Protein backbone atom coordinates (compact mmCIF):
# COMPACT_ATOMS: atom_id res chain seq x y z
CA MET A 1 105.30 103.46 98.72
CA LYS A 2 108.92 103.80 97.77
CA LEU A 3 111.51 105.24 100.11
CA ASN A 4 111.58 108.62 98.37
CA GLU A 5 107.79 108.82 98.47
CA VAL A 6 107.81 108.02 102.19
CA LYS A 7 110.40 110.71 102.87
CA GLU A 8 108.35 113.29 100.97
CA PHE A 9 105.18 112.21 102.78
CA VAL A 10 106.86 112.55 106.19
CA LYS A 11 108.31 115.94 105.25
CA GLU A 12 104.86 117.10 104.18
CA LEU A 13 103.26 115.90 107.43
CA ARG A 14 105.86 117.62 109.58
CA GLY A 15 105.04 120.93 107.93
CA LEU A 16 101.34 120.75 108.83
CA SER A 17 99.69 122.31 111.86
CA GLN A 18 97.67 120.30 114.39
CA GLU A 19 94.40 121.33 112.77
CA GLU A 20 95.62 120.36 109.32
CA LEU A 21 96.83 116.99 110.63
CA ALA A 22 93.46 116.33 112.25
CA LYS A 23 91.66 117.27 109.03
CA ARG A 24 93.95 115.01 107.01
CA GLU A 25 93.36 112.13 109.42
CA ASN A 26 89.58 112.55 109.15
CA GLU A 27 89.78 112.59 105.35
CA LEU A 28 91.87 109.41 105.32
CA LYS A 29 89.53 107.65 107.74
CA LYS A 30 86.56 108.60 105.56
CA GLU A 31 88.34 107.32 102.47
CA LEU A 32 89.24 104.07 104.27
CA PHE A 33 85.60 103.59 105.27
CA GLU A 34 84.47 104.11 101.68
CA LEU A 35 87.12 101.70 100.36
CA ARG A 36 86.11 99.03 102.86
CA PHE A 37 82.48 99.50 101.86
CA GLN A 38 83.39 99.11 98.18
CA ALA A 39 85.43 95.99 98.97
CA ALA A 40 82.52 94.46 100.86
CA THR A 41 80.14 95.07 97.98
CA GLY A 42 82.61 93.87 95.34
CA GLN A 43 83.00 97.27 93.68
CA LEU A 44 86.61 97.97 94.68
CA GLU A 45 88.95 98.13 91.69
CA GLN A 46 92.16 99.35 93.34
CA THR A 47 92.66 96.88 96.17
CA ALA A 48 96.17 98.17 96.90
CA ARG A 49 94.67 101.55 97.84
CA LEU A 50 93.30 99.99 101.06
CA LYS A 51 96.81 99.18 102.24
CA GLU A 52 98.14 102.61 101.25
CA VAL A 53 95.44 104.47 103.17
CA LYS A 54 95.91 102.29 106.26
CA LYS A 55 99.64 103.08 106.27
CA GLN A 56 99.00 106.80 105.88
CA ILE A 57 96.70 106.86 108.90
């Protein structure tokens, strides 16, 4: 992520309520699980997405 993207991401997160943050965290964890599963089975095409999702969590 570039600096401007990070700033926008942080601004977006600060505007969310506790419930929305928890929901977002659960969605990211689910996506990370699915990406790891795809990587283990050799089906993952966007390997950089793993790193992005980890940083967002």
